[in-house]
Amino acid sequence: MKEIRKYIEQFAKISNHDWMLFSSKLVPRSYPKKSICHQAGSNENYISFLQKGTVRLFIPKKESDKEITFGFCFANQFVSAYDSFLTGKPSSHSIQTLTDTKMLSISHRDLQEVYNKTSIGNLIGRLAAENLFLIKSKRLQSLLDNSAEERYLRIFKDRPELLKSIPLKYISSYIGVTPQALSRIRRRIS
């Protein structure tokens, strides 16, 4: 649990009282590689902080090669089907672990209690919301501003570990091309 406290304290000091209440609401969860930790069509009950692992956010399709990967989350980031978490309505996307994953999760009800009973609660909620917003915003901006090759090069520059640990079919979906087009881009670059 020290990872999440360290993350929060980059932005503000958290009192022991606030930490005790917040940490008492965190539920540790572990998933093996390739597990679905949130299924599209169901309500998201948690917002989670990744202690270890990598997950992808995707829109499932009947044919798995048509799935649309629109985000990745890594250790020391928050993950959730956040629109569903906020509205209480079923989400349109799933979350899958790409590696063995450990996370600390808090339910919507418990997070509301943290908001109401602590001075740091609203900061915690804001940090999680901002993190999840940035994932979607960066993806949208990249799709609007950059070519597929530029999107691939950006990933290569910003997150080289992504290329080592994430299957190319997910990367190709993320940058908005077929696996064959990604192969051509990679050949052109090398």
N, C-alpha and C. Protein backbone atom coordinates (compact mmCIF):
# COMPACT_ATOMS: atom_id res chain seq x y z
N MET A 1 0.81 -1.22 0.00
CA MET A 1 0.00 0.00 0.00
C MET A 1 0.84 1.26 0.00
N LYS A 2 2.12 1.09 0.23
CA LYS A 2 2.97 2.27 0.28
C LYS A 2 3.05 2.97 -1.07
N GLU A 3 2.85 2.21 -2.19
CA GLU A 3 2.93 2.82 -3.52
C GLU A 3 1.86 3.89 -3.71
N ILE A 4 0.64 3.59 -3.28
CA ILE A 4 -0.45 4.55 -3.48
C ILE A 4 -0.28 5.77 -2.58
N ARG A 5 0.21 5.55 -1.35
CA ARG A 5 0.45 6.70 -0.47
C ARG A 5 1.55 7.59 -1.05
N LYS A 6 2.61 6.96 -1.55
CA LYS A 6 3.70 7.71 -2.16
C LYS A 6 3.18 8.50 -3.36
N TYR A 7 2.33 7.89 -4.16
CA TYR A 7 1.76 8.57 -5.33
C TYR A 7 0.94 9.78 -4.90
N ILE A 8 0.07 9.61 -3.92
CA ILE A 8 -0.78 10.71 -3.43
C ILE A 8 0.08 11.83 -2.84
N GLU A 9 1.11 11.44 -2.09
CA GLU A 9 1.92 12.45 -1.41
C GLU A 9 2.86 13.20 -2.34
N GLN A 10 2.89 12.85 -3.61
CA GLN A 10 3.57 13.70 -4.59
C GLN A 10 2.82 15.02 -4.74
N PHE A 11 1.53 14.99 -4.42
CA PHE A 11 0.67 16.15 -4.64
C PHE A 11 0.27 16.85 -3.34
N ALA A 12 0.14 16.09 -2.27
CA ALA A 12 -0.23 16.68 -0.97
C ALA A 12 0.05 15.69 0.14
N LYS A 13 0.41 16.22 1.28
CA LYS A 13 0.65 15.38 2.46
C LYS A 13 -0.68 14.82 2.93
N ILE A 14 -0.69 13.55 3.28
CA ILE A 14 -1.91 12.91 3.78
C ILE A 14 -1.71 12.62 5.27
N SER A 15 -2.65 13.07 6.07
CA SER A 15 -2.54 12.86 7.52
C SER A 15 -2.71 11.38 7.84
N ASN A 16 -2.19 10.96 8.98
CA ASN A 16 -2.35 9.56 9.38
C ASN A 16 -3.81 9.19 9.55
N HIS A 17 -4.62 10.12 10.07
CA HIS A 17 -6.06 9.86 10.23
C HIS A 17 -6.71 9.60 8.87
N ASP A 18 -6.45 10.48 7.90
CA ASP A 18 -7.03 10.32 6.56
C ASP A 18 -6.51 9.03 5.90
N TRP A 19 -5.21 8.77 6.09
CA TRP A 19 -4.64 7.56 5.51
C TRP A 19 -5.28 6.31 6.09
N MET A 20 -5.50 6.29 7.39
CA MET A 20 -6.09 5.12 8.04
C MET A 20 -7.49 4.84 7.48
N LEU A 21 -8.30 5.88 7.32
CA LEU A 21 -9.64 5.68 6.78
C LEU A 21 -9.56 5.22 5.32
N PHE A 22 -8.78 5.94 4.51
CA PHE A 22 -8.68 5.60 3.10
C PHE A 22 -8.12 4.19 2.91
N SER A 23 -7.02 3.88 3.55
CA SER A 23 -6.39 2.57 3.35
C SER A 23 -7.27 1.43 3.87
N SER A 24 -8.11 1.70 4.86
CA SER A 24 -9.01 0.66 5.36
C SER A 24 -10.07 0.28 4.34
N LYS A 25 -10.30 1.14 3.37
CA LYS A 25 -11.31 0.89 2.33
C LYS A 25 -10.73 0.20 1.09
N LEU A 26 -9.40 0.13 1.01
CA LEU A 26 -8.76 -0.47 -0.17
C LEU A 26 -8.79 -1.99 -0.09
N VAL A 27 -9.20 -2.59 -1.19
CA VAL A 27 -9.29 -4.04 -1.28
C VAL A 27 -8.21 -4.53 -2.24
N PRO A 28 -7.26 -5.36 -1.76
CA PRO A 28 -6.24 -5.88 -2.68
C PRO A 28 -6.86 -6.92 -3.62
N ARG A 29 -6.53 -6.82 -4.89
CA ARG A 29 -7.01 -7.80 -5.87
C ARG A 29 -5.84 -8.18 -6.77
N SER A 30 -5.78 -9.44 -7.13
CA SER A 30 -4.73 -9.95 -8.01
C SER A 30 -5.36 -10.71 -9.16
N TYR A 31 -4.77 -10.58 -10.33
CA TYR A 31 -5.25 -11.26 -11.52
C TYR A 31 -4.06 -11.84 -12.28
N PRO A 32 -4.20 -13.06 -12.77
CA PRO A 32 -3.15 -13.58 -13.63
C PRO A 32 -3.21 -12.92 -15.01
N LYS A 33 -2.14 -13.07 -15.74
CA LYS A 33 -2.04 -12.57 -17.11
C LYS A 33 -3.25 -13.04 -17.93
N LYS A 34 -3.76 -12.15 -18.79
CA LYS A 34 -4.87 -12.41 -19.72
C LYS A 34 -6.22 -12.59 -19.03
N SER A 35 -6.38 -12.02 -17.84
CA SER A 35 -7.67 -12.08 -17.15
C SER A 35 -8.50 -10.84 -17.49
N ILE A 36 -9.80 -11.03 -17.55
CA ILE A 36 -10.71 -9.90 -17.70
C ILE A 36 -11.06 -9.44 -16.28
N CYS A 37 -10.64 -8.24 -15.92
CA CYS A 37 -10.96 -7.75 -14.58
C CYS A 37 -12.19 -6.85 -14.58
N HIS A 38 -12.64 -6.46 -15.76
CA HIS A 38 -13.95 -5.79 -15.89
C HIS A 38 -14.50 -6.15 -17.26
N GLN A 39 -15.74 -6.62 -17.27
CA GLN A 39 -16.39 -7.06 -18.50
C GLN A 39 -17.33 -5.99 -19.03
N ALA A 40 -17.22 -5.70 -20.32
CA ALA A 40 -18.16 -4.77 -20.97
C ALA A 40 -19.59 -5.26 -20.73
N GLY A 41 -20.49 -4.32 -20.55
CA GLY A 41 -21.89 -4.66 -20.30
C GLY A 41 -22.23 -4.80 -18.83
N SER A 42 -21.20 -4.73 -17.97
CA SER A 42 -21.45 -4.79 -16.52
C SER A 42 -21.11 -3.44 -15.90
N ASN A 43 -21.60 -3.25 -14.70
CA ASN A 43 -21.33 -2.00 -13.98
C ASN A 43 -19.96 -2.07 -13.33
N GLU A 44 -19.23 -0.98 -13.44
CA GLU A 44 -17.93 -0.89 -12.78
C GLU A 44 -18.15 -0.46 -11.35
N ASN A 45 -17.71 -1.27 -10.42
CA ASN A 45 -17.91 -0.98 -9.00
C ASN A 45 -16.68 -0.41 -8.32
N TYR A 46 -15.55 -0.42 -9.02
CA TYR A 46 -14.29 -0.03 -8.39
C TYR A 46 -13.49 0.95 -9.24
N ILE A 47 -12.70 1.73 -8.55
CA ILE A 47 -11.58 2.42 -9.18
C ILE A 47 -10.35 1.81 -8.50
N SER A 48 -9.36 1.50 -9.31
CA SER A 48 -8.21 0.75 -8.79
C SER A 48 -6.90 1.44 -9.09
N PHE A 49 -5.96 1.23 -8.21
CA PHE A 49 -4.59 1.71 -8.36
C PHE A 49 -3.72 0.50 -8.64
N LEU A 50 -3.03 0.51 -9.78
CA LEU A 50 -2.19 -0.62 -10.15
C LEU A 50 -0.89 -0.59 -9.35
N GLN A 51 -0.67 -1.60 -8.57
CA GLN A 51 0.58 -1.74 -7.85
C GLN A 51 1.63 -2.40 -8.74
N LYS A 52 1.17 -3.32 -9.57
CA LYS A 52 2.07 -4.10 -10.43
C LYS A 52 1.25 -4.54 -11.63
N GLY A 53 1.88 -4.50 -12.81
CA GLY A 53 1.24 -5.06 -13.98
C GLY A 53 0.88 -4.04 -15.04
N THR A 54 0.30 -4.57 -16.11
CA THR A 54 -0.13 -3.78 -17.25
C THR A 54 -1.51 -4.27 -17.65
N VAL A 55 -2.42 -3.33 -17.91
CA VAL A 55 -3.76 -3.69 -18.37
C VAL A 55 -4.07 -2.90 -19.65
N ARG A 56 -5.00 -3.44 -20.41
CA ARG A 56 -5.48 -2.72 -21.59
C ARG A 56 -6.97 -2.48 -21.44
N LEU A 57 -7.43 -1.36 -21.97
CA LEU A 57 -8.84 -1.03 -22.03
C LEU A 57 -9.26 -1.21 -23.48
N PHE A 58 -10.34 -1.96 -23.70
CA PHE A 58 -10.71 -2.26 -25.08
C PHE A 58 -12.22 -2.44 -25.23
N ILE A 59 -12.66 -2.23 -26.46
CA ILE A 59 -14.05 -2.47 -26.82
C ILE A 59 -14.09 -3.84 -27.48
N PRO A 60 -14.76 -4.78 -26.84
CA PRO A 60 -14.79 -6.13 -27.40
C PRO A 60 -15.69 -6.21 -28.64
N LYS A 61 -15.35 -7.12 -29.51
CA LYS A 61 -16.13 -7.40 -30.72
C LYS A 61 -16.33 -8.91 -30.81
N LYS A 62 -17.30 -9.33 -31.62
CA LYS A 62 -17.56 -10.77 -31.77
C LYS A 62 -16.31 -11.51 -32.24
N GLU A 63 -15.60 -10.89 -33.17
CA GLU A 63 -14.33 -11.47 -33.63
C GLU A 63 -13.21 -10.77 -32.87
N SER A 64 -12.41 -11.55 -32.14
CA SER A 64 -11.41 -10.94 -31.27
C SER A 64 -10.39 -10.10 -32.03
N ASP A 65 -10.14 -10.40 -33.31
CA ASP A 65 -9.18 -9.59 -34.06
C ASP A 65 -9.75 -8.23 -34.46
N LYS A 66 -11.02 -8.00 -34.16
CA LYS A 66 -11.66 -6.71 -34.46
C LYS A 66 -11.78 -5.82 -33.21
N GLU A 67 -11.33 -6.33 -32.06
CA GLU A 67 -11.39 -5.54 -30.83
C GLU A 67 -10.63 -4.23 -31.00
N ILE A 68 -11.09 -3.20 -30.30
CA ILE A 68 -10.45 -1.90 -30.38
C ILE A 68 -9.80 -1.58 -29.05
N THR A 69 -8.49 -1.58 -29.02
CA THR A 69 -7.74 -1.21 -27.83
C THR A 69 -7.60 0.30 -27.82
N PHE A 70 -8.04 0.93 -26.74
CA PHE A 70 -7.95 2.40 -26.71
C PHE A 70 -7.13 2.93 -25.55
N GLY A 71 -6.59 2.06 -24.73
CA GLY A 71 -5.75 2.55 -23.65
C GLY A 71 -5.00 1.44 -22.95
N PHE A 72 -3.91 1.85 -22.31
CA PHE A 72 -3.11 0.96 -21.49
C PHE A 72 -2.87 1.66 -20.16
N CYS A 73 -2.81 0.90 -19.09
CA CYS A 73 -2.45 1.43 -17.78
C CYS A 73 -1.34 0.57 -17.20
N PHE A 74 -0.47 1.22 -16.44
CA PHE A 74 0.72 0.57 -15.90
C PHE A 74 0.78 0.79 -14.39
N ALA A 75 1.79 0.18 -13.77
CA ALA A 75 1.98 0.34 -12.32
C ALA A 75 2.01 1.82 -11.96
N ASN A 76 1.42 2.13 -10.82
CA ASN A 76 1.33 3.49 -10.28
C ASN A 76 0.39 4.39 -11.09
N GLN A 77 -0.62 3.78 -11.70
CA GLN A 77 -1.68 4.52 -12.36
C GLN A 77 -3.02 3.98 -11.89
N PHE A 78 -4.04 4.81 -12.04
CA PHE A 78 -5.40 4.37 -11.73
C PHE A 78 -6.02 3.77 -12.98
N VAL A 79 -6.91 2.82 -12.77
CA VAL A 79 -7.65 2.20 -13.87
C VAL A 79 -9.09 1.94 -13.43
N SER A 80 -10.00 2.12 -14.37
CA SER A 80 -11.42 1.87 -14.12
C SER A 80 -12.17 2.04 -15.43
N ALA A 81 -13.33 1.42 -15.52
CA ALA A 81 -14.29 1.78 -16.56
C ALA A 81 -15.02 2.98 -15.96
N TYR A 82 -14.35 4.11 -16.02
CA TYR A 82 -14.70 5.27 -15.20
C TYR A 82 -16.08 5.84 -15.49
N ASP A 83 -16.50 5.83 -16.75
CA ASP A 83 -17.84 6.33 -17.05
C ASP A 83 -18.89 5.50 -16.33
N SER A 84 -18.72 4.20 -16.30
CA SER A 84 -19.65 3.32 -15.59
C SER A 84 -19.54 3.53 -14.07
N PHE A 85 -18.33 3.70 -13.58
CA PHE A 85 -18.11 3.94 -12.15
C PHE A 85 -18.87 5.18 -11.69
N LEU A 86 -18.84 6.23 -12.52
CA LEU A 86 -19.52 7.48 -12.16
C LEU A 86 -21.04 7.40 -12.28
N THR A 87 -21.51 6.76 -13.37
CA THR A 87 -22.95 6.78 -13.66
C THR A 87 -23.73 5.61 -13.09
N GLY A 88 -23.02 4.53 -12.76
CA GLY A 88 -23.71 3.33 -12.29
C GLY A 88 -24.37 2.55 -13.42
N LYS A 89 -24.04 2.89 -14.67
CA LYS A 89 -24.60 2.21 -15.83
C LYS A 89 -23.55 1.27 -16.42
N PRO A 90 -23.98 0.25 -17.15
CA PRO A 90 -23.02 -0.68 -17.75
C PRO A 90 -22.03 0.02 -18.67
N SER A 91 -20.81 -0.45 -18.67
CA SER A 91 -19.76 0.14 -19.51
C SER A 91 -19.76 -0.51 -20.89
N SER A 92 -19.17 0.18 -21.84
CA SER A 92 -19.07 -0.35 -23.20
C SER A 92 -17.72 -1.02 -23.44
N HIS A 93 -16.85 -0.97 -22.46
CA HIS A 93 -15.53 -1.57 -22.66
C HIS A 93 -15.13 -2.50 -21.53
N SER A 94 -14.13 -3.30 -21.84
CA SER A 94 -13.58 -4.27 -20.89
C SER A 94 -12.18 -3.84 -20.49
N ILE A 95 -11.70 -4.44 -19.41
CA ILE A 95 -10.32 -4.24 -18.96
C ILE A 95 -9.70 -5.62 -18.80
N GLN A 96 -8.54 -5.80 -19.45
CA GLN A 96 -7.86 -7.08 -19.44
C GLN A 96 -6.43 -6.91 -18.95
N THR A 97 -5.97 -7.84 -18.13
CA THR A 97 -4.58 -7.81 -17.70
C THR A 97 -3.70 -8.38 -18.81
N LEU A 98 -2.59 -7.74 -19.06
CA LEU A 98 -1.62 -8.24 -20.04
C LEU A 98 -0.44 -8.92 -19.36
N THR A 99 -0.32 -8.69 -18.07
CA THR A 99 0.70 -9.34 -17.25
C THR A 99 0.02 -9.71 -15.93
N ASP A 100 0.71 -10.48 -15.11
CA ASP A 100 0.19 -10.71 -13.75
C ASP A 100 0.04 -9.33 -13.12
N THR A 101 -1.10 -9.11 -12.48
CA THR A 101 -1.44 -7.76 -12.02
C THR A 101 -1.92 -7.77 -10.58
N LYS A 102 -1.45 -6.77 -9.83
CA LYS A 102 -1.93 -6.54 -8.46
C LYS A 102 -2.45 -5.11 -8.41
N MET A 103 -3.60 -4.95 -7.77
CA MET A 103 -4.19 -3.62 -7.65
C MET A 103 -4.86 -3.46 -6.30
N LEU A 104 -5.03 -2.19 -5.92
CA LEU A 104 -5.79 -1.83 -4.74
C LEU A 104 -7.04 -1.12 -5.24
N SER A 105 -8.20 -1.63 -4.82
CA SER A 105 -9.46 -1.11 -5.34
C SER A 105 -10.32 -0.53 -4.23
N ILE A 106 -11.08 0.50 -4.60
CA ILE A 106 -12.03 1.10 -3.67
C ILE A 106 -13.37 1.20 -4.38
N SER A 107 -14.42 0.85 -3.64
CA SER A 107 -15.76 0.88 -4.23
C SER A 107 -16.28 2.32 -4.29
N HIS A 108 -17.28 2.52 -5.11
CA HIS A 108 -17.89 3.84 -5.25
C HIS A 108 -18.42 4.32 -3.90
N ARG A 109 -19.11 3.45 -3.20
CA ARG A 109 -19.69 3.82 -1.90
C ARG A 109 -18.59 4.20 -0.90
N ASP A 110 -17.53 3.39 -0.85
CA ASP A 110 -16.44 3.69 0.08
C ASP A 110 -15.70 4.97 -0.31
N LEU A 111 -15.55 5.22 -1.59
CA LEU A 111 -14.89 6.45 -2.02
C LEU A 111 -15.71 7.67 -1.62
N GLN A 112 -17.03 7.56 -1.69
CA GLN A 112 -17.89 8.67 -1.26
C GLN A 112 -17.69 8.95 0.23
N GLU A 113 -17.53 7.89 1.01
CA GLU A 113 -17.27 8.06 2.45
C GLU A 113 -15.93 8.76 2.68
N VAL A 114 -14.91 8.37 1.91
CA VAL A 114 -13.59 9.02 2.02
C VAL A 114 -13.71 10.49 1.65
N TYR A 115 -14.48 10.80 0.60
CA TYR A 115 -14.70 12.20 0.22
C TYR A 115 -15.30 12.99 1.38
N ASN A 116 -16.28 12.41 2.03
CA ASN A 116 -17.03 13.11 3.08
C ASN A 116 -16.30 13.21 4.42
N LYS A 117 -15.42 12.25 4.72
CA LYS A 117 -14.84 12.19 6.06
C LYS A 117 -13.37 12.58 6.15
N THR A 118 -12.75 12.90 5.01
CA THR A 118 -11.34 13.25 5.07
C THR A 118 -11.09 14.56 4.34
N SER A 119 -9.98 15.19 4.69
CA SER A 119 -9.63 16.42 3.99
C SER A 119 -8.90 16.11 2.68
N ILE A 120 -8.38 14.92 2.54
CA ILE A 120 -7.62 14.56 1.33
C ILE A 120 -8.48 13.81 0.31
N GLY A 121 -9.67 13.42 0.68
CA GLY A 121 -10.53 12.60 -0.18
C GLY A 121 -10.77 13.17 -1.56
N ASN A 122 -11.09 14.46 -1.62
CA ASN A 122 -11.36 15.05 -2.93
C ASN A 122 -10.12 15.07 -3.81
N LEU A 123 -8.95 15.23 -3.22
CA LEU A 123 -7.71 15.19 -3.99
C LEU A 123 -7.52 13.79 -4.59
N ILE A 124 -7.76 12.76 -3.80
CA ILE A 124 -7.61 11.40 -4.29
C ILE A 124 -8.55 11.16 -5.48
N GLY A 125 -9.78 11.58 -5.36
CA GLY A 125 -10.74 11.43 -6.46
C GLY A 125 -10.31 12.22 -7.68
N ARG A 126 -9.83 13.43 -7.46
CA ARG A 126 -9.40 14.26 -8.59
C ARG A 126 -8.20 13.64 -9.30
N LEU A 127 -7.24 13.12 -8.54
CA LEU A 127 -6.06 12.50 -9.15
C LEU A 127 -6.45 11.30 -10.01
N ALA A 128 -7.35 10.48 -9.50
CA ALA A 128 -7.81 9.32 -10.27
C ALA A 128 -8.53 9.76 -11.53
N ALA A 129 -9.43 10.74 -11.40
CA ALA A 129 -10.19 11.23 -12.55
C ALA A 129 -9.26 11.84 -13.60
N GLU A 130 -8.31 12.64 -13.16
CA GLU A 130 -7.38 13.27 -14.10
C GLU A 130 -6.55 12.23 -14.83
N ASN A 131 -6.09 11.22 -14.11
CA ASN A 131 -5.30 10.15 -14.73
C ASN A 131 -6.11 9.44 -15.82
N LEU A 132 -7.35 9.09 -15.51
CA LEU A 132 -8.18 8.38 -16.47
C LEU A 132 -8.57 9.28 -17.64
N PHE A 133 -8.80 10.56 -17.38
CA PHE A 133 -9.12 11.50 -18.45
C PHE A 133 -7.94 11.64 -19.41
N LEU A 134 -6.74 11.74 -18.87
CA LEU A 134 -5.56 11.93 -19.72
C LEU A 134 -5.33 10.75 -20.66
N ILE A 135 -5.62 9.54 -20.19
CA ILE A 135 -5.47 8.36 -21.04
C ILE A 135 -6.35 8.52 -22.29
N LYS A 136 -7.61 8.87 -22.08
CA LYS A 136 -8.54 9.02 -23.21
C LYS A 136 -8.20 10.25 -24.05
N SER A 137 -7.83 11.32 -23.43
CA SER A 137 -7.54 12.55 -24.14
C SER A 137 -6.31 12.41 -25.04
N LYS A 138 -5.26 11.79 -24.52
CA LYS A 138 -4.05 11.59 -25.32
C LYS A 138 -4.34 10.73 -26.54
N ARG A 139 -5.12 9.70 -26.34
CA ARG A 139 -5.46 8.81 -27.46
C ARG A 139 -6.24 9.57 -28.52
N LEU A 140 -7.24 10.32 -28.13
CA LEU A 140 -8.05 11.06 -29.08
C LEU A 140 -7.20 12.09 -29.82
N GLN A 141 -6.39 12.83 -29.10
CA GLN A 141 -5.54 13.84 -29.72
C GLN A 141 -4.58 13.22 -30.72
N SER A 142 -4.03 12.09 -30.37
CA SER A 142 -3.10 11.40 -31.26
C SER A 142 -3.80 10.94 -32.53
N LEU A 143 -5.00 10.41 -32.39
CA LEU A 143 -5.74 9.96 -33.57
C LEU A 143 -6.09 11.12 -34.50
N LEU A 144 -6.32 12.28 -33.93
CA LEU A 144 -6.68 13.45 -34.74
C LEU A 144 -5.48 14.13 -35.37
N ASP A 145 -4.35 14.14 -34.67
CA ASP A 145 -3.20 14.93 -35.11
C ASP A 145 -2.11 14.17 -35.84
N ASN A 146 -1.99 12.87 -35.61
CA ASN A 146 -0.82 12.14 -36.08
C ASN A 146 -1.18 11.02 -37.04
N SER A 147 -0.22 10.72 -37.92
CA SER A 147 -0.37 9.55 -38.79
C SER A 147 -0.12 8.30 -37.94
N ALA A 148 -0.46 7.15 -38.51
CA ALA A 148 -0.22 5.89 -37.81
C ALA A 148 1.26 5.71 -37.50
N GLU A 149 2.11 6.08 -38.43
CA GLU A 149 3.55 5.97 -38.21
C GLU A 149 4.00 6.89 -37.08
N GLU A 150 3.48 8.10 -37.05
CA GLU A 150 3.82 9.03 -35.96
C GLU A 150 3.32 8.51 -34.62
N ARG A 151 2.13 7.91 -34.61
CA ARG A 151 1.60 7.35 -33.35
C ARG A 151 2.49 6.21 -32.86
N TYR A 152 2.95 5.37 -33.79
CA TYR A 152 3.84 4.26 -33.43
C TYR A 152 5.17 4.80 -32.89
N LEU A 153 5.74 5.77 -33.58
CA LEU A 153 7.01 6.34 -33.13
C LEU A 153 6.87 7.01 -31.77
N ARG A 154 5.72 7.64 -31.52
CA ARG A 154 5.47 8.28 -30.22
C ARG A 154 5.47 7.22 -29.12
N ILE A 155 4.82 6.10 -29.35
CA ILE A 155 4.82 5.01 -28.37
C ILE A 155 6.25 4.54 -28.15
N PHE A 156 6.97 4.35 -29.25
CA PHE A 156 8.34 3.87 -29.17
C PHE A 156 9.21 4.83 -28.34
N LYS A 157 8.97 6.13 -28.50
CA LYS A 157 9.75 7.13 -27.76
C LYS A 157 9.29 7.25 -26.30
N ASP A 158 7.98 7.35 -26.10
CA ASP A 158 7.44 7.60 -24.75
C ASP A 158 7.42 6.36 -23.87
N ARG A 159 7.09 5.22 -24.44
CA ARG A 159 6.90 4.00 -23.65
C ARG A 159 7.55 2.81 -24.32
N PRO A 160 8.87 2.78 -24.44
CA PRO A 160 9.51 1.66 -25.15
C PRO A 160 9.20 0.30 -24.51
N GLU A 161 8.93 0.28 -23.21
CA GLU A 161 8.60 -0.98 -22.54
C GLU A 161 7.29 -1.56 -23.06
N LEU A 162 6.44 -0.71 -23.58
CA LEU A 162 5.18 -1.15 -24.17
C LEU A 162 5.44 -2.11 -25.31
N LEU A 163 6.41 -1.78 -26.13
CA LEU A 163 6.69 -2.60 -27.30
C LEU A 163 7.27 -3.96 -26.92
N LYS A 164 7.85 -4.05 -25.74
CA LYS A 164 8.42 -5.32 -25.30
C LYS A 164 7.38 -6.21 -24.63
N SER A 165 6.41 -5.60 -23.97
CA SER A 165 5.50 -6.39 -23.14
C SER A 165 4.08 -6.52 -23.68
N ILE A 166 3.74 -5.78 -24.72
CA ILE A 166 2.37 -5.79 -25.22
C ILE A 166 2.35 -6.39 -26.62
N PRO A 167 1.48 -7.38 -26.85
CA PRO A 167 1.40 -7.98 -28.18
C PRO A 167 1.14 -6.93 -29.27
N LEU A 168 1.77 -7.12 -30.41
CA LEU A 168 1.66 -6.16 -31.51
C LEU A 168 0.22 -5.97 -31.99
N LYS A 169 -0.61 -7.01 -31.87
CA LYS A 169 -2.01 -6.86 -32.32
C LYS A 169 -2.73 -5.80 -31.48
N TYR A 170 -2.37 -5.65 -30.21
CA TYR A 170 -2.99 -4.62 -29.38
C TYR A 170 -2.41 -3.24 -29.70
N ILE A 171 -1.12 -3.21 -29.99
CA ILE A 171 -0.51 -1.93 -30.36
C ILE A 171 -1.08 -1.45 -31.69
N SER A 172 -1.25 -2.37 -32.65
CA SER A 172 -1.80 -1.95 -33.94
C SER A 172 -3.22 -1.42 -33.76
N SER A 173 -4.02 -2.07 -32.94
CA SER A 173 -5.38 -1.58 -32.67
C SER A 173 -5.34 -0.22 -32.00
N TYR A 174 -4.42 -0.05 -31.07
CA TYR A 174 -4.29 1.21 -30.34
C TYR A 174 -3.93 2.38 -31.26
N ILE A 175 -3.06 2.12 -32.23
CA ILE A 175 -2.69 3.22 -33.13
C ILE A 175 -3.64 3.31 -34.33
N GLY A 176 -4.60 2.38 -34.42
CA GLY A 176 -5.65 2.49 -35.42
C GLY A 176 -5.30 1.91 -36.78
N VAL A 177 -4.49 0.84 -36.80
CA VAL A 177 -4.15 0.19 -38.06
C VAL A 177 -4.28 -1.32 -37.90
N THR A 178 -4.25 -2.03 -39.01
CA THR A 178 -4.26 -3.49 -38.97
C THR A 178 -2.87 -3.99 -38.57
N PRO A 179 -2.77 -5.22 -38.11
CA PRO A 179 -1.44 -5.77 -37.81
C PRO A 179 -0.52 -5.78 -39.03
N GLN A 180 -1.10 -5.99 -40.21
CA GLN A 180 -0.29 -5.98 -41.43
C GLN A 180 0.27 -4.57 -41.70
N ALA A 181 -0.55 -3.56 -41.51
CA ALA A 181 -0.08 -2.18 -41.71
C ALA A 181 1.01 -1.84 -40.70
N LEU A 182 0.86 -2.32 -39.46
CA LEU A 182 1.90 -2.08 -38.46
C LEU A 182 3.20 -2.76 -38.88
N SER A 183 3.11 -3.95 -39.43
CA SER A 183 4.33 -4.63 -39.91
C SER A 183 5.01 -3.80 -40.98
N ARG A 184 4.24 -3.22 -41.88
CA ARG A 184 4.83 -2.38 -42.93
C ARG A 184 5.49 -1.14 -42.32
N ILE A 185 4.83 -0.52 -41.35
CA ILE A 185 5.40 0.65 -40.67
C ILE A 185 6.72 0.26 -40.00
N ARG A 186 6.74 -0.86 -39.34
CA ARG A 186 7.95 -1.28 -38.64
C ARG A 186 9.09 -1.56 -39.61
N ARG A 187 8.77 -2.18 -40.76
CA ARG A 187 9.79 -2.45 -41.77
C ARG A 187 10.35 -1.13 -42.32
N ARG A 188 9.47 -0.18 -42.57
CA ARG A 188 9.89 1.12 -43.11
C ARG A 188 10.82 1.85 -42.15
N ILE A 189 10.52 1.76 -40.88
CA ILE A 189 11.30 2.47 -39.86
C ILE A 189 12.67 1.83 -39.67
N SER A 190 12.73 0.50 -39.71
CA SER A 190 14.01 -0.17 -39.43
C SER A 190 14.85 -0.30 -40.64
